[in-house]
Amino acid sequence: MPGRILRWRRPVAAATVLLTAVAATVVVLRPETPQRQLVAHFTRAVGVYPGSDVRVLGVRVGEVTAVTPQGATVRVTMRYDPEVGVPADAQALIVPPSVVSDRYVQLTPAYSGGPALADGAEIPVSRTAAPMEIDDIYRALDEFNRALGPKGANADGALADLVATGRANLEGNGENLRDALDGLSRALATVADGRQDLFGSVANLQRFTTTLARSDQQVRAFNQQLADVAQQLAGEGDELTAALRNLSVALADVTAFVRQNREVLTADVAALADITGVLVRQQRAVIEILDVAPLTVSNLALAYNPRSGTLDTRNNATGPYDPAGFVCSLMVDQLPATRVPETCRALAQTLHARGLPMTDQLRRLLKLPPGAPATGPVPPGAPSPGGPAADAAPGGPDIAPDLTLGGILRGPA
């Protein structure tokens, strides 16, 4: 059994070795796509060496191939994978992961479309940045300390006096200072929460000022007029003061009057409300009166006879109709047909049978068309059916309009 297992293992091992050799040969013989070249100019390149990483969004895409000083700048040559797109306006930054470790070159921003950086392109100094060195930081701090030292701002003891004064003012006020800082923090948080409203107010204020700028002439004219009014009021200051004084006295009197006559005023206002309601309900009648009243007054003025002191009128209010027929016509206008007295219906039938003049109301009571000619037996002395209509005026087929007071009160026939 062990011999059989060894016989199976030997062909498997040989096949494994053969496949490994073929894969290595394929990898060696496969042509590689050449990487893209890029040159960036930095003011300094401390910690960057050939072999340093070139990254995009922190992912390694290439390496530095050469670092060459060129006068006041440093030329850094890099290469990166051709599959990685870099924007045409990309920047090159030297990023220090820590104080002591090697640095790498970061290409930013990441490519998201548009023109891409060409192979062999160069990035000028204006689009590169290098971190500040620790020596520069120490040098800046040293210069700052010297500026505040005995040969600087504190040459006359001003800085020491400032510190002493600050200590004296803040001593014992720690809790108050904490409360002030806490209140300031809350105020800033409130402003931050309402920044949308604040910015909206600023935007509306900007629109308002723009509108004022566009209406500059009108605003100037308004201010001038306001100044003139103020000047006039200033010139009449004594009169205005007296008027206000009298007004205050009058208001006091009115207040006392209203307080003493409250019940009477309440009743008057209620009665006035009733009168107003009646006028509203009778609006059409009031309008008709206002339309007719001027002509009525004019007719009365024309009818007055100053010699005799009388009104010269023709009292013919009922027109060519019988007074009883006129009264029945009024009833037909104001009452339903079922409530009209039978005497009016009998009068209408008699007038119709004798061919006498009838009003349109009496015709409607007998269901006759308005203005229909009378039919029936003709009484002696009455005009024949072929002659003029029974209710026509002697002067012609139509009744001439009567513009006298009687005619106005009678209305159209």
Protein backbone atom coordinates (compact mmCIF):
# COMPACT_ATOMS: atom_id res chain seq x y z
CA MET A 1 0.00 0.00 0.00
CA PRO A 2 2.72 2.58 0.76
CA GLY A 3 4.46 1.70 -2.48
CA ARG A 4 1.31 2.37 -4.44
CA ILE A 5 0.94 5.83 -2.81
CA LEU A 6 4.54 6.70 -3.72
CA ARG A 7 3.90 5.66 -7.31
CA TRP A 8 0.91 8.13 -7.46
CA ARG A 9 2.81 10.99 -5.83
CA ARG A 10 5.69 10.98 -8.30
CA PRO A 11 3.58 11.80 -11.43
CA VAL A 12 1.66 14.52 -9.50
CA ALA A 13 4.85 16.23 -8.36
CA ALA A 14 6.26 16.11 -11.90
CA ALA A 15 3.06 17.66 -13.30
CA THR A 16 3.15 20.41 -10.67
CA VAL A 17 6.74 21.31 -11.50
CA LEU A 18 5.93 21.37 -15.20
CA LEU A 19 2.94 23.71 -14.75
CA THR A 20 4.97 26.04 -12.56
CA ALA A 21 7.68 26.30 -15.19
CA VAL A 22 5.14 27.02 -17.95
CA ALA A 23 3.47 29.78 -15.86
CA ALA A 24 6.83 31.40 -15.13
CA THR A 25 7.71 31.30 -18.82
CA VAL A 26 4.41 32.95 -19.75
CA VAL A 27 4.93 35.68 -17.14
CA VAL A 28 8.46 36.35 -18.37
CA LEU A 29 7.53 36.36 -22.04
CA ARG A 30 4.32 38.44 -21.66
CA PRO A 31 4.88 42.00 -22.95
CA GLU A 32 4.31 44.72 -20.29
CA THR A 33 2.63 48.09 -21.01
CA PRO A 34 5.17 50.87 -20.44
CA GLN A 35 4.43 53.15 -17.47
CA ARG A 36 3.71 56.85 -17.89
CA GLN A 37 6.35 59.46 -17.01
CA LEU A 38 5.68 62.59 -14.95
CA VAL A 39 7.93 65.44 -13.78
CA ALA A 40 7.10 67.74 -10.86
CA HIS A 41 9.09 70.76 -9.61
CA PHE A 42 9.17 71.35 -5.84
CA THR A 43 10.72 74.12 -3.73
CA ARG A 44 12.24 71.31 -1.61
CA ALA A 45 12.01 67.53 -1.54
CA VAL A 46 13.32 66.47 1.86
CA GLY A 47 12.70 62.77 2.53
CA VAL A 48 11.88 61.92 -1.11
CA TYR A 49 14.26 59.46 -2.80
CA PRO A 50 14.23 57.25 -5.90
CA GLY A 51 11.85 54.43 -5.07
CA SER A 52 9.53 56.57 -2.92
CA ASP A 53 5.85 55.88 -3.52
CA VAL A 54 3.60 57.85 -5.87
CA ARG A 55 0.00 57.59 -4.63
CA VAL A 56 -3.54 58.63 -5.58
CA LEU A 57 -6.01 58.74 -2.67
CA GLY A 58 -3.39 56.94 -0.60
CA VAL A 59 -3.13 53.99 -3.03
CA ARG A 60 0.31 53.31 -4.54
CA VAL A 61 0.24 53.76 -8.36
CA GLY A 62 3.91 54.31 -9.10
CA GLU A 63 7.29 55.39 -7.76
CA VAL A 64 9.89 58.15 -7.90
CA THR A 65 12.66 57.43 -10.37
CA ALA A 66 14.93 60.45 -9.89
CA VAL A 67 15.39 63.49 -7.64
CA THR A 68 17.53 66.23 -9.22
CA PRO A 69 18.33 69.66 -7.71
CA GLN A 70 17.89 72.54 -10.17
CA GLY A 71 18.93 75.84 -8.61
CA ALA A 72 16.19 76.99 -6.20
CA THR A 73 13.92 74.05 -7.08
CA VAL A 74 14.05 70.26 -7.12
CA ARG A 75 13.08 68.18 -10.17
CA VAL A 76 11.31 64.96 -9.20
CA THR A 77 10.80 62.40 -11.98
CA MET A 78 8.08 59.81 -11.45
CA ARG A 79 6.36 57.00 -13.26
CA TYR A 80 2.92 55.55 -12.66
CA ASP A 81 0.59 52.87 -14.04
CA PRO A 82 -0.99 53.73 -17.40
CA GLU A 83 -4.39 52.48 -16.21
CA VAL A 84 -4.53 55.28 -13.64
CA GLY A 85 -6.02 58.54 -14.95
CA VAL A 86 -4.64 61.83 -13.65
CA PRO A 87 -6.43 65.18 -14.30
CA ALA A 88 -4.65 67.63 -16.59
CA ASP A 89 -4.63 70.26 -13.79
CA ALA A 90 -3.46 67.84 -11.07
CA GLN A 91 -1.28 68.94 -8.16
CA ALA A 92 1.68 67.10 -6.61
CA LEU A 93 2.03 67.13 -2.82
CA ILE A 94 4.79 65.69 -0.66
CA VAL A 95 3.04 63.95 2.26
CA PRO A 96 4.92 63.03 5.48
CA PRO A 97 3.23 60.02 7.16
CA SER A 98 5.22 60.79 10.32
CA VAL A 99 8.12 62.91 11.46
CA VAL A 100 10.85 60.31 10.85
CA SER A 101 9.48 58.01 8.12
CA ASP A 102 9.97 58.35 4.37
CA ARG A 103 7.65 60.57 2.46
CA TYR A 104 5.63 59.96 -0.69
CA VAL A 105 4.23 62.07 -3.52
CA GLN A 106 0.46 62.40 -3.66
CA LEU A 107 -1.29 63.27 -6.96
CA THR A 108 -4.55 65.10 -6.35
CA PRO A 109 -7.42 65.30 -7.08
CA ALA A 110 -8.53 61.87 -8.23
CA TYR A 111 -9.53 61.62 -11.89
CA SER A 112 -13.31 61.85 -12.44
CA GLY A 113 -13.50 62.67 -16.14
CA GLY A 114 -12.35 65.31 -18.57
CA PRO A 115 -8.84 66.02 -19.93
CA ALA A 116 -6.12 63.72 -18.55
CA LEU A 117 -2.45 64.42 -17.89
CA ALA A 118 -0.33 63.51 -20.93
CA ASP A 119 2.65 61.14 -20.79
CA GLY A 120 5.84 63.04 -19.92
CA ALA A 121 3.93 66.12 -18.65
CA GLU A 122 5.45 68.51 -16.12
CA ILE A 123 3.80 70.05 -13.06
CA PRO A 124 5.16 73.55 -12.27
CA VAL A 125 6.10 74.85 -8.83
CA SER A 126 2.78 76.75 -8.59
CA ARG A 127 0.93 73.40 -8.46
CA THR A 128 3.22 71.60 -6.00
CA ALA A 129 3.54 71.80 -2.23
CA ALA A 130 6.06 70.51 0.30
CA PRO A 131 5.50 70.18 4.05
CA MET A 132 7.16 72.51 6.51
CA GLU A 133 10.21 70.94 8.13
CA ILE A 134 10.67 70.60 11.87
CA ASP A 135 13.65 72.95 11.68
CA ASP A 136 11.46 75.61 10.08
CA ILE A 137 8.93 75.21 12.88
CA TYR A 138 11.63 75.53 15.53
CA ARG A 139 13.07 78.54 13.72
CA ALA A 140 9.65 80.24 13.59
CA LEU A 141 9.06 79.57 17.29
CA ASP A 142 12.50 80.93 18.14
CA GLU A 143 11.83 84.10 16.16
CA PHE A 144 8.46 84.46 17.89
CA ASN A 145 10.07 84.08 21.32
CA ARG A 146 12.73 86.61 20.43
CA ALA A 147 10.05 89.06 19.28
CA LEU A 148 8.33 88.72 22.66
CA GLY A 149 11.55 88.71 24.69
CA PRO A 150 13.47 91.48 26.49
CA LYS A 151 14.83 92.82 23.20
CA GLY A 152 11.43 92.76 21.52
CA ALA A 153 7.91 93.56 22.66
CA ASN A 154 8.88 93.26 26.34
CA ALA A 155 11.78 95.73 26.14
CA ASP A 156 9.84 98.21 28.31
CA GLY A 157 8.02 95.55 30.30
CA ALA A 158 4.79 95.91 28.28
CA LEU A 159 4.34 92.16 27.88
CA ALA A 160 5.01 91.56 31.57
CA ASP A 161 2.48 94.26 32.48
CA LEU A 162 -0.03 92.65 30.12
CA VAL A 163 0.42 89.25 31.75
CA ALA A 164 0.22 90.76 35.25
CA THR A 165 -2.92 92.71 34.37
CA GLY A 166 -4.51 89.62 32.81
CA ARG A 167 -3.67 87.55 35.89
CA ALA A 168 -5.16 90.22 38.18
CA ASN A 169 -8.35 90.43 36.12
CA LEU A 170 -8.81 86.68 35.74
CA GLU A 171 -7.89 85.74 39.29
CA GLY A 172 -10.99 84.50 41.08
CA ASN A 173 -13.11 84.72 37.91
CA GLY A 174 -12.55 81.21 36.66
CA GLU A 175 -16.17 80.19 37.14
CA ASN A 176 -17.43 83.39 35.47
CA LEU A 177 -15.04 82.83 32.58
CA ARG A 178 -16.25 79.25 32.26
CA ASP A 179 -19.88 80.43 32.23
CA ALA A 180 -19.05 83.09 29.63
CA LEU A 181 -17.33 80.56 27.40
CA ASP A 182 -20.23 78.15 27.84
CA GLY A 183 -22.73 80.89 26.91
CA LEU A 184 -20.62 81.86 23.92
CA SER A 185 -20.55 78.21 22.84
CA ARG A 186 -24.33 77.97 23.09
CA ALA A 187 -24.76 81.25 21.20
CA LEU A 188 -22.50 80.02 18.42
CA ALA A 189 -24.41 76.71 18.35
CA THR A 190 -27.70 78.63 18.04
CA VAL A 191 -26.28 80.74 15.23
CA ALA A 192 -25.02 77.57 13.54
CA ASP A 193 -28.46 75.92 13.83
CA GLY A 194 -30.15 79.00 12.36
CA ARG A 195 -27.58 79.64 9.66
CA GLN A 196 -30.15 78.99 6.93
CA ASP A 197 -32.43 81.70 8.32
CA LEU A 198 -29.45 83.99 8.89
CA PHE A 199 -28.20 83.55 5.34
CA GLY A 200 -31.77 84.00 4.06
CA SER A 201 -32.03 87.27 5.99
CA VAL A 202 -28.72 88.44 4.55
CA ALA A 203 -29.88 87.49 1.03
CA ASN A 204 -33.17 89.36 1.51
CA LEU A 205 -31.27 92.36 2.87
CA GLN A 206 -29.06 92.25 -0.21
CA ARG A 207 -32.14 92.22 -2.47
CA PHE A 208 -33.63 95.12 -0.46
CA THR A 209 -30.46 97.21 -0.81
CA THR A 210 -30.35 96.37 -4.52
CA THR A 211 -33.93 97.57 -4.91
CA LEU A 212 -33.08 100.77 -3.04
CA ALA A 213 -30.06 101.30 -5.29
CA ARG A 214 -32.23 100.89 -8.38
CA SER A 215 -34.80 103.33 -6.96
CA ASP A 216 -32.21 105.86 -5.86
CA GLN A 217 -33.98 108.84 -7.47
CA GLN A 218 -37.34 107.97 -5.93
CA VAL A 219 -35.74 107.42 -2.52
CA ARG A 220 -33.96 110.77 -2.76
CA ALA A 221 -37.22 112.51 -3.71
CA PHE A 222 -39.04 110.78 -0.82
CA ASN A 223 -36.34 111.84 1.64
CA GLN A 224 -36.51 115.41 0.32
CA GLN A 225 -40.28 115.49 0.72
CA LEU A 226 -39.96 113.98 4.19
CA ALA A 227 -37.40 116.66 5.05
CA ASP A 228 -39.78 119.37 3.77
CA VAL A 229 -42.62 117.97 5.87
CA ALA A 230 -40.36 117.83 8.93
CA GLN A 231 -39.26 121.41 8.31
CA GLN A 232 -42.87 122.56 7.96
CA LEU A 233 -43.84 120.74 11.15
CA ALA A 234 -40.86 122.33 12.91
CA GLY A 235 -42.00 125.77 11.69
CA GLU A 236 -45.50 125.10 13.03
CA GLY A 237 -44.31 123.55 16.26
CA ASP A 238 -46.31 125.93 18.49
CA GLU A 239 -49.54 125.36 16.56
CA LEU A 240 -48.98 121.61 16.55
CA THR A 241 -48.31 121.62 20.28
CA ALA A 242 -51.51 123.61 20.90
CA ALA A 243 -53.50 121.26 18.64
CA LEU A 244 -52.19 118.20 20.48
CA ARG A 245 -52.94 119.84 23.83
CA ASN A 246 -56.50 120.63 22.73
CA LEU A 247 -56.85 117.13 21.33
CA SER A 248 -55.86 115.62 24.65
CA VAL A 249 -58.46 117.78 26.41
CA ALA A 250 -61.09 116.85 23.81
CA LEU A 251 -60.28 113.16 24.16
CA ALA A 252 -60.68 113.45 27.92
CA ASP A 253 -64.07 115.13 27.47
CA VAL A 254 -65.16 112.50 24.95
CA THR A 255 -64.07 109.74 27.31
CA ALA A 256 -66.08 111.25 30.15
CA PHE A 257 -69.09 111.74 27.86
CA VAL A 258 -68.97 108.14 26.63
CA ARG A 259 -68.59 106.85 30.18
CA GLN A 260 -71.57 108.88 31.42
CA ASN A 261 -73.84 108.07 28.44
CA ARG A 262 -72.80 104.49 27.80
CA GLU A 263 -76.32 103.04 27.91
CA VAL A 264 -77.79 105.75 25.68
CA LEU A 265 -74.97 105.39 23.15
CA THR A 266 -75.44 101.64 23.14
CA ALA A 267 -79.14 102.06 22.37
CA ASP A 268 -78.37 104.63 19.66
CA VAL A 269 -75.82 102.35 18.04
CA ALA A 270 -78.28 99.45 18.12
CA ALA A 271 -80.97 101.64 16.53
CA LEU A 272 -78.48 102.83 13.94
CA ALA A 273 -77.68 99.20 13.17
CA ASP A 274 -81.41 98.53 12.64
CA ILE A 275 -81.69 101.54 10.34
CA THR A 276 -78.64 100.40 8.40
CA GLY A 277 -80.16 96.94 8.05
CA VAL A 278 -83.40 98.44 6.70
CA LEU A 279 -81.45 100.53 4.20
CA VAL A 280 -79.52 97.46 3.07
CA ARG A 281 -82.71 95.46 2.61
CA GLN A 282 -84.36 98.35 0.74
CA GLN A 283 -81.29 99.09 -1.35
CA ARG A 284 -83.07 98.79 -4.68
CA ALA A 285 -85.91 101.01 -3.51
CA VAL A 286 -83.44 103.63 -2.28
CA ILE A 287 -81.62 103.50 -5.60
CA GLU A 288 -84.90 103.92 -7.47
CA ILE A 289 -85.87 106.86 -5.26
CA LEU A 290 -82.51 108.51 -5.85
CA ASP A 291 -82.97 108.02 -9.59
CA VAL A 292 -86.55 109.39 -9.71
CA ALA A 293 -86.30 112.09 -7.01
CA PRO A 294 -84.40 114.65 -9.12
CA LEU A 295 -86.98 114.47 -11.93
CA THR A 296 -89.82 114.61 -9.40
CA VAL A 297 -88.38 117.70 -7.75
CA SER A 298 -87.88 119.27 -11.18
CA ASN A 299 -91.53 118.56 -12.14
CA LEU A 300 -92.74 120.01 -8.85
CA ALA A 301 -90.69 123.16 -9.48
CA LEU A 302 -92.15 123.46 -12.97
CA ALA A 303 -95.72 122.80 -11.74
CA TYR A 304 -95.59 125.49 -9.05
CA ASN A 305 -97.45 128.65 -9.97
CA PRO A 306 -95.96 131.58 -8.01
CA ARG A 307 -98.84 133.90 -8.94
CA SER A 308 -101.53 131.78 -7.32
CA GLY A 309 -99.29 129.83 -4.94
CA THR A 310 -100.67 126.51 -6.26
CA LEU A 311 -99.43 123.45 -8.20
CA ASP A 312 -100.78 123.43 -11.74
CA THR A 313 -101.12 119.69 -12.50
CA ARG A 314 -103.45 117.45 -14.46
CA ASN A 315 -104.73 114.91 -11.99
CA ASN A 316 -105.15 111.92 -14.27
CA ALA A 317 -103.39 109.25 -12.25
CA THR A 318 -105.56 106.39 -13.52
CA GLY A 319 -105.22 107.29 -17.21
CA PRO A 320 -107.97 106.15 -19.58
CA TYR A 321 -108.95 103.32 -17.26
CA ASP A 322 -111.79 103.02 -14.78
CA PRO A 323 -110.76 103.70 -11.14
CA ALA A 324 -112.14 100.31 -10.10
CA GLY A 325 -110.08 98.67 -12.86
CA PHE A 326 -107.00 100.58 -11.66
CA VAL A 327 -107.50 99.31 -8.09
CA CYS A 328 -108.02 95.75 -9.34
CA SER A 329 -104.86 96.03 -11.43
CA LEU A 330 -102.91 96.95 -8.30
CA MET A 331 -104.33 93.91 -6.51
CA VAL A 332 -103.35 91.63 -9.41
CA ASP A 333 -99.78 92.98 -9.19
CA GLN A 334 -99.49 92.54 -5.43
CA LEU A 335 -101.57 89.39 -4.69
CA PRO A 336 -101.50 85.81 -5.95
CA ALA A 337 -104.16 84.95 -8.52
CA THR A 338 -106.09 82.81 -6.03
CA ARG A 339 -106.48 85.74 -3.62
CA VAL A 340 -107.74 88.32 -6.13
CA PRO A 341 -111.40 89.20 -5.29
CA GLU A 342 -114.09 87.78 -7.55
CA THR A 343 -115.45 91.30 -8.11
CA CYS A 344 -112.19 92.15 -9.97
CA ARG A 345 -112.55 89.03 -12.11
CA ALA A 346 -116.20 89.94 -12.84
CA LEU A 347 -115.16 93.52 -13.69
CA ALA A 348 -112.53 92.21 -16.12
CA GLN A 349 -115.09 89.91 -17.80
CA THR A 350 -117.57 92.80 -18.14
CA LEU A 351 -114.95 95.13 -19.66
CA HIS A 352 -113.83 92.41 -22.02
CA ALA A 353 -117.40 91.57 -23.06
CA ARG A 354 -118.21 95.22 -23.80
CA GLY A 355 -114.90 95.92 -25.52
CA LEU A 356 -113.92 98.66 -23.04
CA PRO A 357 -110.29 99.60 -22.27
CA MET A 358 -108.53 97.14 -19.98
CA THR A 359 -105.15 97.19 -18.27
CA ASP A 360 -102.59 94.46 -18.92
CA GLN A 361 -103.13 93.20 -15.36
CA LEU A 362 -106.85 92.60 -16.00
CA ARG A 363 -105.98 90.93 -19.32
CA ARG A 364 -103.54 88.65 -17.49
CA LEU A 365 -106.31 87.85 -14.98
CA LEU A 366 -108.45 86.54 -17.92
CA LYS A 367 -105.35 84.87 -19.48
CA LEU A 368 -105.42 87.24 -22.45
CA PRO A 369 -102.28 88.45 -24.19
CA PRO A 370 -101.16 92.00 -23.28
CA GLY A 371 -102.70 94.70 -25.47
CA ALA A 372 -105.00 92.27 -27.34
CA PRO A 373 -107.98 93.96 -29.06
CA ALA A 374 -111.30 93.66 -27.29
CA THR A 375 -113.82 91.16 -28.66
CA GLY A 376 -117.50 90.56 -28.03
CA PRO A 377 -120.63 92.54 -28.68
CA VAL A 378 -120.09 96.21 -29.41
CA PRO A 379 -122.28 98.54 -27.35
CA PRO A 380 -124.14 101.43 -29.02
CA GLY A 381 -121.87 104.32 -29.79
CA ALA A 382 -118.74 102.18 -29.49
CA PRO A 383 -116.31 102.05 -32.42
CA SER A 384 -116.59 99.16 -34.80
CA PRO A 385 -114.01 96.33 -34.78
CA GLY A 386 -112.49 97.76 -37.92
CA GLY A 387 -112.04 101.19 -36.36
CA PRO A 388 -109.45 102.33 -33.88
CA ALA A 389 -108.78 100.18 -30.83
CA ALA A 390 -110.97 100.75 -27.81
CA ASP A 391 -108.06 101.56 -25.51
CA ALA A 392 -106.27 103.80 -28.01
CA ALA A 393 -106.03 107.53 -27.41
CA PRO A 394 -108.23 109.81 -29.55
CA GLY A 395 -105.23 111.45 -31.05
CA GLY A 396 -103.77 108.25 -32.55
CA PRO A 397 -103.12 104.53 -32.01
CA ASP A 398 -100.52 105.14 -29.23
CA ILE A 399 -100.79 107.10 -25.99
CA ALA A 400 -98.24 109.92 -25.96
CA PRO A 401 -95.88 109.84 -22.95
CA ASP A 402 -96.99 112.13 -20.16
CA LEU A 403 -94.04 113.86 -18.49
CA THR A 404 -96.14 115.75 -15.95
CA LEU A 405 -96.23 114.83 -12.26
CA GLY A 406 -99.40 112.81 -12.83
CA GLY A 407 -97.79 110.94 -15.70
CA ILE A 408 -94.69 110.15 -13.59
CA LEU A 409 -96.82 108.83 -10.73
CA ARG A 410 -99.04 106.83 -13.10
CA GLY A 411 -96.18 105.22 -14.98
CA PRO A 412 -96.40 103.71 -18.47
CA ALA A 413 -99.90 102.68 -19.52
